[in-house]
Protein backbone atom coordinates (compact mmCIF):
# COMPACT_ATOMS: atom_id res chain seq x y z
CA MET A 1 -31.90 173.17 79.64
CA ARG A 2 -29.94 172.44 76.52
CA SER A 3 -32.08 172.03 73.43
CA THR A 4 -30.06 169.48 71.48
CA GLY A 5 -26.87 171.36 70.84
CA PHE A 6 -26.09 174.22 68.51
CA ARG A 7 -23.62 173.53 65.79
CA ARG A 8 -25.89 172.13 63.17
CA THR A 9 -25.82 168.40 64.01
CA PHE A 10 -22.93 168.74 66.47
CA VAL A 11 -23.96 168.36 70.13
CA ALA A 12 -21.92 170.68 72.33
CA ILE A 13 -19.01 169.08 74.16
CA GLY A 14 -15.91 169.95 76.06
CA VAL A 15 -14.55 169.08 79.50
CA CYS A 16 -10.88 168.39 80.01
CA SER A 17 -9.66 165.10 78.63
CA SER A 18 -8.14 162.65 81.08
CA LEU A 19 -4.81 163.15 79.37
CA ALA A 20 -4.95 166.89 79.89
CA LEU A 21 -5.91 166.43 83.53
CA THR A 22 -3.04 164.04 84.07
CA ALA A 23 -0.54 166.44 82.60
CA SER A 24 -1.79 169.62 84.26
CA ALA A 25 -4.81 171.52 85.41
CA CYS A 26 -7.12 172.75 82.67
CA GLY A 27 -6.57 176.38 83.57
CA SER A 28 -3.16 177.52 82.42
CA GLY A 29 -2.89 179.84 85.38
CA ASP A 30 -0.34 182.17 83.78
CA GLU A 31 1.11 183.34 80.53
CA ASP A 32 3.52 181.12 78.64
CA ALA A 33 6.63 183.02 79.57
CA GLY A 34 8.94 180.62 77.74
CA SER A 35 7.57 181.48 74.29
CA GLY A 36 6.62 185.06 75.03
CA LYS A 37 3.02 184.22 74.08
CA THR A 38 -0.18 184.47 76.05
CA ARG A 39 -1.45 180.91 76.46
CA ILE A 40 -5.15 180.20 77.00
CA THR A 41 -6.96 176.91 77.43
CA VAL A 42 -10.48 176.66 76.02
CA ASN A 43 -13.07 173.89 75.98
CA CYS A 44 -15.95 172.67 73.85
CA GLU A 45 -13.77 171.46 70.99
CA PRO A 46 -15.65 168.89 68.88
CA PRO A 47 -14.53 165.28 69.44
CA LYS A 48 -12.48 163.42 66.84
CA SER A 49 -15.59 161.39 66.00
CA ALA A 50 -17.23 164.60 64.69
CA LYS A 51 -14.68 164.80 61.89
CA VAL A 52 -16.02 167.78 59.97
CA ASP A 53 -16.66 169.94 63.02
CA ARG A 54 -13.30 168.98 64.51
CA ARG A 55 -11.58 170.02 61.31
CA PHE A 56 -13.45 173.34 61.19
CA PHE A 57 -12.58 174.06 64.83
CA GLU A 58 -8.90 173.33 64.26
CA GLN A 59 -8.87 175.41 61.07
CA ASP A 60 -10.39 178.36 62.88
CA ILE A 61 -7.95 178.18 65.79
CA ALA A 62 -5.03 178.00 63.34
CA ALA A 63 -6.35 181.05 61.46
CA PHE A 64 -6.79 182.94 64.73
CA GLU A 65 -3.25 182.13 65.89
CA LYS A 66 -1.86 183.23 62.53
CA GLN A 67 -3.69 186.54 62.90
CA HIS A 68 -2.58 186.82 66.54
CA PRO A 69 0.92 185.30 66.72
CA ASP A 70 1.25 186.43 70.34
CA ILE A 71 -1.59 184.10 71.47
CA ASP A 72 -1.43 180.31 71.89
CA VAL A 73 -4.84 178.57 72.07
CA VAL A 74 -4.94 175.09 73.63
CA ALA A 75 -8.30 173.40 73.06
CA HIS A 76 -9.67 170.52 75.14
CA ASP A 77 -12.38 168.12 74.02
CA ALA A 78 -14.57 165.61 75.83
CA PHE A 79 -18.27 164.83 75.99
CA PRO A 80 -20.38 166.72 76.89
CA CYS A 81 -19.30 170.38 76.89
CA GLN A 82 -20.52 170.79 80.42
CA ASP A 83 -21.32 167.80 82.60
CA PRO A 84 -23.49 168.95 85.54
CA LYS A 85 -22.09 166.08 87.63
CA THR A 86 -18.51 167.37 87.43
CA PHE A 87 -18.92 171.06 86.63
CA ASP A 88 -18.78 172.44 90.19
CA ALA A 89 -16.01 170.07 91.19
CA LYS A 90 -13.85 171.20 88.29
CA LEU A 91 -14.40 174.83 89.22
CA ALA A 92 -13.69 174.29 92.90
CA GLY A 93 -10.66 172.08 92.19
CA GLY A 94 -8.99 174.57 89.88
CA GLN A 95 -9.34 172.24 86.89
CA MET A 96 -11.48 174.47 84.71
CA GLU A 97 -10.14 175.92 81.47
CA ASP A 98 -9.27 179.61 81.21
CA VAL A 99 -12.23 180.15 78.86
CA PHE A 100 -15.04 177.71 79.60
CA TYR A 101 -18.47 176.83 78.25
CA THR A 102 -21.65 177.36 80.26
CA TYR A 103 -25.40 177.07 79.78
CA PHE A 104 -27.35 180.29 80.29
CA THR A 105 -28.69 178.83 83.54
CA ASP A 106 -25.16 178.47 84.95
CA ALA A 107 -24.20 182.13 84.82
CA LYS A 108 -25.44 183.40 88.18
CA HIS A 109 -24.37 180.23 89.98
CA VAL A 110 -20.78 180.50 88.74
CA VAL A 111 -20.70 184.12 89.88
CA ASP A 112 -22.24 183.27 93.26
CA ILE A 113 -19.50 180.72 93.99
CA HIS A 114 -16.83 183.26 92.96
CA GLN A 115 -15.35 181.30 90.06
CA ALA A 116 -15.78 183.82 87.23
CA ALA A 117 -13.58 186.72 86.20
CA ASP A 118 -15.21 190.14 86.00
CA LEU A 119 -15.10 191.04 82.31
CA THR A 120 -16.62 194.50 82.69
CA PRO A 121 -13.34 196.43 82.21
CA TYR A 122 -12.50 194.41 79.11
CA VAL A 123 -15.69 194.08 77.04
CA LYS A 124 -15.02 197.39 75.30
CA GLU A 125 -12.23 195.46 73.54
CA LEU A 126 -14.73 192.87 72.29
CA LYS A 127 -15.73 194.25 68.90
CA SER A 128 -18.97 192.32 68.69
CA TYR A 129 -20.32 192.84 72.20
CA ASP A 130 -22.65 195.75 71.50
CA THR A 131 -24.16 193.90 68.53
CA ILE A 132 -25.35 190.93 70.63
CA GLN A 133 -29.03 190.91 71.63
CA GLN A 134 -29.48 192.75 74.91
CA GLN A 135 -31.61 190.03 76.50
CA LEU A 136 -28.79 187.54 75.91
CA ARG A 137 -26.14 189.89 77.28
CA ASP A 138 -28.27 190.41 80.37
CA ILE A 139 -28.06 186.70 81.21
CA TYR A 140 -24.35 187.05 81.94
CA THR A 141 -24.70 190.37 83.75
CA VAL A 142 -24.96 190.05 87.54
CA ASP A 143 -25.28 193.08 89.84
CA GLY A 144 -24.28 195.34 86.98
CA LYS A 145 -21.07 193.47 86.17
CA ILE A 146 -20.40 191.38 83.06
CA TYR A 147 -19.18 187.83 83.64
CA GLY A 148 -19.73 186.05 80.34
CA ILE A 149 -20.32 186.30 76.61
CA PRO A 150 -23.30 184.63 74.86
CA ARG A 151 -22.42 182.30 72.00
CA THR A 152 -25.77 180.96 70.81
CA GLY A 153 -29.42 181.25 71.71
CA TYR A 154 -32.56 179.30 70.93
CA SER A 155 -36.27 179.69 71.47
CA MET A 156 -38.89 176.97 71.55
CA GLY A 157 -41.42 176.52 68.80
CA LEU A 158 -43.72 173.88 67.30
CA ILE A 159 -42.25 171.45 64.78
CA TYR A 160 -44.85 169.87 62.54
CA ASN A 161 -45.05 167.42 59.65
CA ARG A 162 -46.39 169.11 56.52
CA LYS A 163 -47.10 165.80 54.81
CA LEU A 164 -49.31 164.59 57.67
CA PHE A 165 -51.10 167.95 57.77
CA GLU A 166 -51.97 167.60 54.09
CA LYS A 167 -53.01 163.98 54.52
CA ALA A 168 -55.34 164.99 57.36
CA GLY A 169 -56.91 167.75 55.24
CA LEU A 170 -55.14 170.56 57.09
CA ASP A 171 -53.37 173.52 55.50
CA PRO A 172 -49.61 173.09 56.10
CA ASP A 173 -49.11 176.80 55.49
CA LYS A 174 -51.42 177.63 58.42
CA PRO A 175 -50.02 175.87 61.51
CA PRO A 176 -52.04 175.99 64.74
CA ALA A 177 -51.72 179.33 66.51
CA THR A 178 -53.62 178.47 69.71
CA TRP A 179 -53.67 175.44 72.00
CA ASP A 180 -57.28 174.78 70.99
CA GLU A 181 -56.10 174.59 67.38
CA VAL A 182 -53.22 172.29 68.37
CA ARG A 183 -55.72 169.99 70.01
CA ALA A 184 -58.09 170.02 67.04
CA ASP A 185 -55.29 169.41 64.51
CA ALA A 186 -53.75 166.66 66.63
CA LYS A 187 -57.10 164.85 66.75
CA ARG A 188 -57.44 164.93 62.95
CA ILE A 189 -53.88 163.68 62.45
CA ALA A 190 -54.31 160.86 64.96
CA ALA A 191 -57.49 159.84 63.11
CA LEU A 192 -55.29 158.84 60.15
CA GLY A 193 -54.56 155.64 62.06
CA ASP A 194 -51.72 153.23 61.35
CA GLY A 195 -49.94 154.25 64.55
CA THR A 196 -49.96 157.95 63.74
CA VAL A 197 -49.79 160.28 66.76
CA GLY A 198 -51.10 163.82 66.57
CA TYR A 199 -49.05 165.46 69.32
CA ALA A 200 -46.30 164.11 71.57
CA ASP A 201 -44.67 165.44 74.70
CA TYR A 202 -41.84 164.49 77.03
CA SER A 203 -42.51 163.30 80.58
CA ALA A 204 -39.29 161.77 81.95
CA GLN A 205 -35.64 162.57 82.73
CA ASN A 206 -36.52 166.17 83.68
CA GLN A 207 -37.60 166.78 80.08
CA GLY A 208 -41.26 166.76 81.02
CA GLY A 209 -40.64 169.56 83.49
CA TRP A 210 -38.72 171.48 80.86
CA HIS A 211 -41.63 171.26 78.42
CA PHE A 212 -44.20 172.03 81.10
CA THR A 213 -42.25 175.25 81.70
CA ALA A 214 -42.25 176.09 78.00
CA GLU A 215 -45.99 175.44 77.76
CA LEU A 216 -46.62 177.50 80.88
CA TYR A 217 -44.71 180.43 79.37
CA ALA A 218 -46.79 180.00 76.22
CA GLN A 219 -49.93 180.37 78.34
CA GLY A 220 -48.54 183.59 79.83
CA GLY A 221 -47.58 182.05 83.17
CA ASP A 222 -44.39 181.58 85.18
CA VAL A 223 -42.90 178.75 87.23
CA VAL A 224 -41.67 181.01 90.04
CA ASP A 225 -42.40 184.57 91.12
CA ALA A 226 -40.28 187.57 90.18
CA ASP A 227 -38.19 187.23 93.35
CA GLY A 228 -37.47 183.57 92.66
CA GLU A 229 -38.83 182.60 96.08
CA LYS A 230 -42.25 181.03 95.50
CA ALA A 231 -43.83 178.66 92.98
CA THR A 232 -46.45 180.14 90.64
CA ILE A 233 -47.65 176.97 88.93
CA ASP A 234 -50.92 176.49 90.83
CA THR A 235 -52.60 179.09 88.66
CA PRO A 236 -55.16 179.17 85.85
CA GLU A 237 -52.26 179.00 83.38
CA GLY A 238 -50.72 175.96 85.08
CA HIS A 239 -54.11 174.22 85.17
CA ALA A 240 -54.63 175.02 81.48
CA VAL A 241 -51.35 173.32 80.52
CA LEU A 242 -52.21 170.12 82.36
CA ARG A 243 -55.87 170.08 81.35
CA ASN A 244 -54.90 170.40 77.70
CA LEU A 245 -52.44 167.50 77.95
CA HIS A 246 -54.97 165.39 79.85
CA ASP A 247 -57.73 165.98 77.32
CA MET A 248 -55.52 165.28 74.31
CA ARG A 249 -54.27 162.10 75.95
CA TRP A 250 -57.50 160.68 77.38
CA THR A 251 -60.47 162.38 75.65
CA ASP A 252 -59.09 162.72 72.12
CA ASP A 253 -56.58 159.85 72.18
CA SER A 254 -54.35 162.02 69.99
CA MET A 255 -51.12 161.50 71.96
CA GLY A 256 -50.90 157.72 71.65
CA SER A 257 -50.81 155.15 74.44
CA LYS A 258 -47.03 155.06 74.91
CA GLN A 259 -45.96 157.69 77.41
CA LEU A 260 -42.96 158.57 79.63
CA LEU A 261 -41.28 159.69 76.42
CA VAL A 262 -37.97 161.54 76.14
CA ILE A 263 -36.50 163.55 73.30
CA ASN A 264 -35.07 160.58 71.36
CA ASP A 265 -38.44 158.79 71.39
CA VAL A 266 -40.24 161.78 69.98
CA GLN A 267 -37.57 162.48 67.38
CA GLN A 268 -37.78 158.86 66.21
CA MET A 269 -41.55 159.21 65.76
CA MET A 270 -41.24 162.46 63.83
CA GLY A 271 -38.40 161.20 61.65
CA ALA A 272 -40.41 158.09 60.79
CA GLY A 273 -43.38 160.19 59.67
CA LYS A 274 -45.62 158.96 62.48
CA LEU A 275 -45.97 162.20 64.46
CA GLY A 276 -47.78 165.39 63.61
CA MET A 277 -46.37 167.91 66.12
CA TYR A 278 -44.08 168.44 69.09
CA LEU A 279 -42.33 171.33 70.82
CA SER A 280 -38.67 171.94 70.12
CA ALA A 281 -36.06 174.43 69.00
CA PRO A 282 -34.95 174.70 65.35
CA ASP A 283 -31.81 172.68 65.99
CA ASN A 284 -33.94 169.52 66.14
CA ILE A 285 -34.59 169.72 62.40
CA PRO A 286 -31.17 168.59 61.11
CA ILE A 287 -31.14 165.78 63.68
CA LEU A 288 -34.52 164.60 62.39
CA VAL A 289 -33.08 164.48 58.89
CA LYS A 290 -29.52 163.30 59.47
CA GLU A 291 -30.21 160.75 62.19
CA LYS A 292 -33.93 159.88 62.22
CA GLY A 293 -34.84 159.51 58.55
CA GLY A 294 -36.82 162.70 58.08
CA ASN A 295 -36.93 165.01 55.06
CA TYR A 296 -36.35 168.76 55.17
CA LYS A 297 -39.26 169.49 52.83
CA ASP A 298 -41.70 167.73 55.18
CA LEU A 299 -40.59 169.51 58.36
CA ALA A 300 -41.83 172.98 59.26
CA LEU A 301 -41.64 175.21 62.29
CA ALA A 302 -44.25 177.45 63.87
CA PRO A 303 -44.04 179.74 66.91
CA MET A 304 -45.23 178.56 70.32
CA PRO A 305 -49.03 178.37 70.28
CA GLY A 306 -50.93 180.95 72.30
CA GLY A 307 -49.00 184.03 71.23
CA LYS A 308 -47.90 184.99 74.76
CA GLY A 309 -44.43 183.68 75.40
CA THR A 310 -41.70 181.17 74.70
CA LEU A 311 -38.79 179.64 76.57
CA ILE A 312 -35.32 180.68 75.49
CA GLY A 313 -32.00 179.03 76.25
CA GLY A 314 -28.52 178.77 74.95
CA ASP A 315 -24.90 178.92 75.94
CA GLY A 316 -21.87 181.10 76.19
CA TYR A 317 -18.40 181.35 77.65
CA MET A 318 -17.10 182.62 80.96
CA VAL A 319 -13.50 183.20 82.02
CA ASN A 320 -11.75 181.54 84.95
CA LYS A 321 -11.27 183.82 87.95
CA LYS A 322 -7.56 182.86 87.93
CA ALA A 323 -6.99 184.21 84.42
CA THR A 324 -4.56 187.09 84.05
CA PRO A 325 -5.60 190.33 82.34
CA ALA A 326 -3.63 189.23 79.27
CA GLN A 327 -5.47 185.91 79.21
CA ILE A 328 -8.84 187.65 79.53
CA ARG A 329 -8.02 189.90 76.60
CA ALA A 330 -6.78 186.93 74.55
CA GLY A 331 -9.90 184.94 75.40
CA LEU A 332 -12.21 187.73 74.28
CA LYS A 333 -10.31 188.08 71.01
CA TRP A 334 -10.68 184.34 70.47
CA LEU A 335 -14.43 184.46 71.13
CA ASP A 336 -14.81 187.37 68.72
CA SER A 337 -13.03 185.48 65.97
CA MET A 338 -14.46 182.05 66.64
CA PHE A 339 -18.13 182.67 67.32
CA LEU A 340 -19.09 186.32 67.16
CA THR A 341 -18.19 187.53 63.67
CA PRO A 342 -21.36 187.74 61.52
CA GLY A 343 -21.18 185.36 58.57
CA ASP A 344 -17.81 183.92 59.58
CA GLY A 345 -16.10 181.65 62.09
CA PHE A 346 -17.04 178.27 63.51
CA LEU A 347 -20.76 179.05 63.77
CA GLY A 348 -21.14 181.59 60.97
CA ASP A 349 -19.13 180.39 57.99
CA TYR A 350 -22.22 179.35 56.05
CA ALA A 351 -20.38 178.92 52.75
CA ARG A 352 -18.04 176.39 54.33
CA ALA A 353 -20.96 174.62 55.99
CA LYS A 354 -22.83 174.37 52.70
CA LYS A 355 -19.80 172.90 50.93
CA ASN A 356 -19.70 170.19 53.59
CA ASP A 357 -23.42 169.36 53.30
CA ALA A 358 -24.37 170.91 56.64
CA PRO A 359 -27.81 172.57 56.79
CA VAL A 360 -27.79 176.33 56.25
CA GLY A 361 -30.89 178.47 56.56
CA LEU A 362 -32.42 177.35 59.87
CA PRO A 363 -34.06 180.32 61.62
CA GLU A 364 -31.76 180.27 64.65
CA PRO A 365 -29.50 181.03 66.38
CA ARG A 366 -30.30 184.73 66.04
CA LEU A 367 -27.54 186.25 68.12
CA PHE A 368 -26.99 189.72 66.68
CA THR A 369 -28.95 192.93 66.17
CA GLY A 370 -28.85 195.79 63.68
CA ALA A 371 -26.29 195.79 60.88
CA ALA A 372 -24.50 192.75 62.32
CA ASP A 373 -27.71 190.72 62.21
CA ALA A 374 -28.46 191.94 58.68
CA LYS A 375 -25.03 190.83 57.48
CA ASP A 376 -25.30 187.45 59.20
CA GLN A 377 -28.75 186.82 57.72
CA GLN A 378 -27.63 187.97 54.26
CA VAL A 379 -24.76 185.48 54.18
CA LYS A 380 -26.99 182.74 55.57
CA LYS A 381 -29.67 183.39 52.95
CA ALA A 382 -27.10 183.37 50.14
CA ASN A 383 -25.95 179.90 51.20
CA ALA A 384 -29.26 178.39 52.28
CA ASN A 385 -29.73 174.74 51.35
CA VAL A 386 -32.91 173.99 53.33
CA PRO A 387 -36.49 175.14 52.62
CA VAL A 388 -36.40 178.43 54.53
CA GLU A 389 -40.03 179.12 53.66
CA ASN A 390 -40.98 176.30 56.04
CA TYR A 391 -39.71 178.38 58.97
CA GLN A 392 -41.15 181.79 58.10
CA ALA A 393 -44.13 181.40 60.43
CA PHE A 394 -41.72 180.80 63.31
CA LEU A 395 -39.70 183.92 62.50
CA ASP A 396 -42.80 186.09 62.10
CA GLY A 397 -44.53 184.80 65.22
CA ASN A 398 -41.52 185.10 67.49
CA GLN A 399 -41.46 188.86 67.06
CA SER A 400 -44.49 189.28 69.31
CA LEU A 401 -43.65 186.67 71.97
CA ARG A 402 -42.26 187.35 75.41
CA MET A 403 -38.86 185.63 75.61
CA LYS A 404 -38.22 184.01 79.00
CA ILE A 405 -35.17 182.17 80.28
CA GLU A 406 -35.50 179.01 82.36
CA PRO A 407 -36.32 179.35 86.07
CA PRO A 408 -33.71 179.29 88.86
CA ASN A 409 -32.66 175.83 90.03
CA ALA A 410 -34.13 174.62 86.76
CA GLN A 411 -33.10 170.96 86.91
CA GLN A 412 -34.42 170.48 90.45
CA LEU A 413 -37.71 172.13 89.52
CA TYR A 414 -37.97 170.07 86.35
CA SER A 415 -37.57 166.89 88.36
CA VAL A 416 -40.60 167.87 90.44
CA LEU A 417 -42.63 168.88 87.40
CA ASP A 418 -41.75 165.63 85.61
CA GLY A 419 -43.90 163.83 88.15
CA VAL A 420 -46.81 166.16 87.49
CA VAL A 421 -46.72 165.75 83.71
CA SER A 422 -46.16 161.98 83.82
CA ALA A 423 -49.08 161.53 86.22
CA VAL A 424 -51.43 163.41 83.89
CA LEU A 425 -50.31 161.39 80.87
CA THR A 426 -50.40 157.97 82.56
CA LYS A 427 -53.40 158.26 84.92
CA LYS A 428 -56.78 159.10 83.49
CA ASP A 429 -58.10 160.10 86.92
CA ALA A 430 -55.10 162.22 87.87
CA ASP A 431 -56.08 165.00 90.30
CA ILE A 432 -54.65 168.12 88.64
CA ASP A 433 -55.49 170.37 91.60
CA GLN A 434 -53.66 168.11 94.05
CA LEU A 435 -50.71 167.58 91.71
CA LEU A 436 -50.13 171.31 91.39
CA ARG A 437 -50.53 171.93 95.12
CA ASP A 438 -48.02 169.21 95.99
CA ALA A 439 -45.56 170.35 93.35
CA SER A 440 -45.83 173.95 94.54
CA GLY A 441 -44.87 172.90 98.06
CA LYS A 442 -41.84 170.97 96.82
CA ILE A 443 -40.72 173.86 94.63
CA ASP A 444 -41.08 176.31 97.51
CA GLY A 445 -38.82 174.04 99.56
CA ILE A 446 -36.18 173.93 96.82
CA LEU A 447 -36.24 177.71 96.43
CA ALA A 448 -36.00 178.23 100.21
CA ARG A 449 -32.87 176.08 100.37
CA SER A 450 -31.11 177.72 97.42
């Protein structure tokens, strides 16, 4: 599942505009023979309403075209980047761009329905490919063939309010490292009163299932087995997740009485200074400041409690199966320039971001390895304008966590798990054993049909 979008405060966007669809299909289908250039269509351009990001995107395309006068890049914008309701239809109808945005969880599906070009013969021409983290590259590798290029990645952690920690007599430099400590700290924060909530969690719109999965990974568990055929939630780890939520909600009263929350509700609480902790990726932090009234100095990030695992997600680009070899090569060059050059481009030009009052210094995305990562981090550090010390615990703790991508058929599974989490948080006498048994049966049915 998407976190909240990775381009500082820009939420990812980009399906074909109605105008583009009226004029022609999104995919260009062939080279622009009239001009002698290779023409590629790409998506995920920021909308005109995101003025700064739109300007950066246009500047970067112009710079790329100047450097590569034989390539013509035609960008399409719309909201969001990838709409699950229209994604498959666009692919099947031949309306997808030549180079198109995908979530990590889309990769295998796009390959299975034969809509992605095999990039394996071409990636040697992608200068940055070998510098990208292997676990992210693996997401777009199916049966030994490469079908996509990662653009960003995130991992879940624990955002907490340093000011409330201090007010509750807790050390803000020592965030909770176990779920028992989360529970104890949440209880002390909630005891401050005046509508203060110690810990909040999502439980609607599939977001509850998403967070249940993250918490299960943190306990060392999995949602499905290694073959992706059977549910593995009715386990000691699955019970521990739900028992912890139940006890914080009903025994400690540290989660507040209002439930069935979604991401905006929780962000509003944190931004208003009324929430101690919740799970999220680092990209929530600028949203809390820019849109919800929070302050960078009060917001800190810790790794997922428990020390066993964390959920990772992100996005990347794939290439339309109809693209010509010249278009594939042009698309890879564009990706290299736009997103995959350490310390430069749309995502990495930290000096430009700082000049335009965008936050620089958040601990993710961490896309590269080795010398490329060192360069990217060096440039980021030199232009940091947020309190990077508030995120050091997250960086240190992540090094020992198992990184796990979302399960197959994630949205369908999350819908089932939503019901489990919401029942625990709204019914004091919820039968956890029965809830997990029933959910396991439903998940097994989904997996059998996929």
